[in-house]
Amino acid sequence: MCAIVGGMSAEKQIRMLKYKPTIIVATPGRLWEMMTEYSHRYLLEQLPMADVVVLDEADRLIADGHFKELRDILAHIYT
């Protein structure tokens, strides 16, 4: 299991992803950041193979008008 959330060191989260977790709990903003700004290989190539991906705070993402990012994350997972 791996938590990808803001307020936690991105470097630590990158180290955690090296274990190729099958369960990921993430806030959409930090997950999107890791996928786009850090271009983390595991997230870009193997995220669709994860057993469980939990997106926390998705209601805020939709309410704040950032639905495109959420749609892009989900499109990537369900490719």
Protein backbone atom coordinates (compact mmCIF):
# COMPACT_ATOMS: atom_id res chain seq x y z
CA MET A 1 0.00 0.00 0.00
CA CYS A 2 1.18 3.49 -0.79
CA ALA A 3 -0.20 6.91 0.12
CA ILE A 4 0.28 9.69 -2.43
CA VAL A 5 -0.87 12.87 -0.70
CA GLY A 6 0.11 16.50 -0.44
CA GLY A 7 1.95 17.65 2.66
CA MET A 8 4.25 14.64 2.47
CA SER A 9 7.66 14.63 0.82
CA ALA A 10 7.41 13.85 -2.90
CA GLU A 11 10.81 12.15 -2.71
CA LYS A 12 9.55 9.79 -0.01
CA GLN A 13 6.50 8.98 -2.10
CA ILE A 14 8.71 8.28 -5.11
CA ARG A 15 10.73 5.84 -2.98
CA MET A 16 7.51 4.13 -1.87
CA LEU A 17 6.43 3.69 -5.50
CA LYS A 18 9.60 1.68 -6.19
CA TYR A 19 7.91 -1.19 -4.31
CA LYS A 20 5.19 -1.22 -7.02
CA PRO A 21 2.22 -1.12 -4.64
CA THR A 22 -0.99 -2.78 -5.71
CA ILE A 23 -3.06 -0.51 -3.44
CA ILE A 24 -2.69 3.26 -3.80
CA VAL A 25 -4.55 5.86 -1.74
CA ALA A 26 -4.11 9.32 -3.21
CA THR A 27 -5.42 12.82 -3.33
CA PRO A 28 -6.12 13.65 -6.98
CA GLY A 29 -3.93 16.75 -6.94
CA ARG A 30 -0.80 14.98 -5.74
CA LEU A 31 -1.42 11.95 -7.94
CA TRP A 32 -1.80 14.22 -10.98
CA GLU A 33 1.38 16.07 -9.97
CA MET A 34 3.33 12.80 -9.67
CA MET A 35 2.03 11.65 -13.05
CA THR A 36 2.71 14.89 -14.94
CA GLU A 37 5.47 16.88 -13.25
CA TYR A 38 7.52 13.95 -11.99
CA SER A 39 6.51 11.63 -14.87
CA HIS A 40 6.90 8.71 -12.51
CA ARG A 41 7.34 5.57 -14.60
CA TYR A 42 5.28 3.28 -12.35
CA LEU A 43 2.31 5.65 -12.37
CA LEU A 44 2.48 6.18 -16.10
CA GLU A 45 2.99 2.54 -17.11
CA GLN A 46 1.65 0.29 -14.38
CA LEU A 47 -1.06 2.25 -12.56
CA PRO A 48 -3.79 0.59 -14.63
CA MET A 49 -2.59 -2.76 -13.24
CA ALA A 50 -2.97 -1.73 -9.59
CA ASP A 51 -5.58 -3.74 -7.73
CA VAL A 52 -7.10 -0.75 -5.90
CA VAL A 53 -6.75 3.01 -6.40
CA VAL A 54 -8.61 5.18 -3.89
CA LEU A 55 -8.97 8.87 -4.76
CA ASP A 56 -9.60 10.97 -1.69
CA GLU A 57 -11.05 14.49 -1.89
CA ALA A 58 -12.46 13.86 -5.39
CA ASP A 59 -15.53 15.86 -4.37
CA ARG A 60 -13.34 18.95 -3.89
CA LEU A 61 -11.65 18.38 -7.23
CA ILE A 62 -15.01 18.34 -9.01
CA ALA A 63 -16.39 21.27 -6.99
CA ASP A 64 -13.33 23.42 -7.70
CA GLY A 65 -13.75 22.97 -11.44
CA HIS A 66 -10.76 20.71 -12.01
CA PHE A 67 -12.80 17.89 -13.47
CA LYS A 68 -10.45 17.59 -16.46
CA GLU A 69 -7.59 16.35 -14.25
CA LEU A 70 -9.85 13.79 -12.56
CA ARG A 71 -11.11 12.65 -15.95
CA ASP A 72 -7.50 12.31 -17.18
CA ILE A 73 -6.50 10.24 -14.13
CA LEU A 74 -9.48 7.93 -14.55
CA ALA A 75 -8.88 7.64 -18.30
CA HIS A 76 -5.30 6.60 -17.59
CA ILE A 77 -6.38 3.99 -15.04
CA TYR A 78 -8.99 2.51 -17.34
CA THR A 79 -6.89 2.31 -20.51
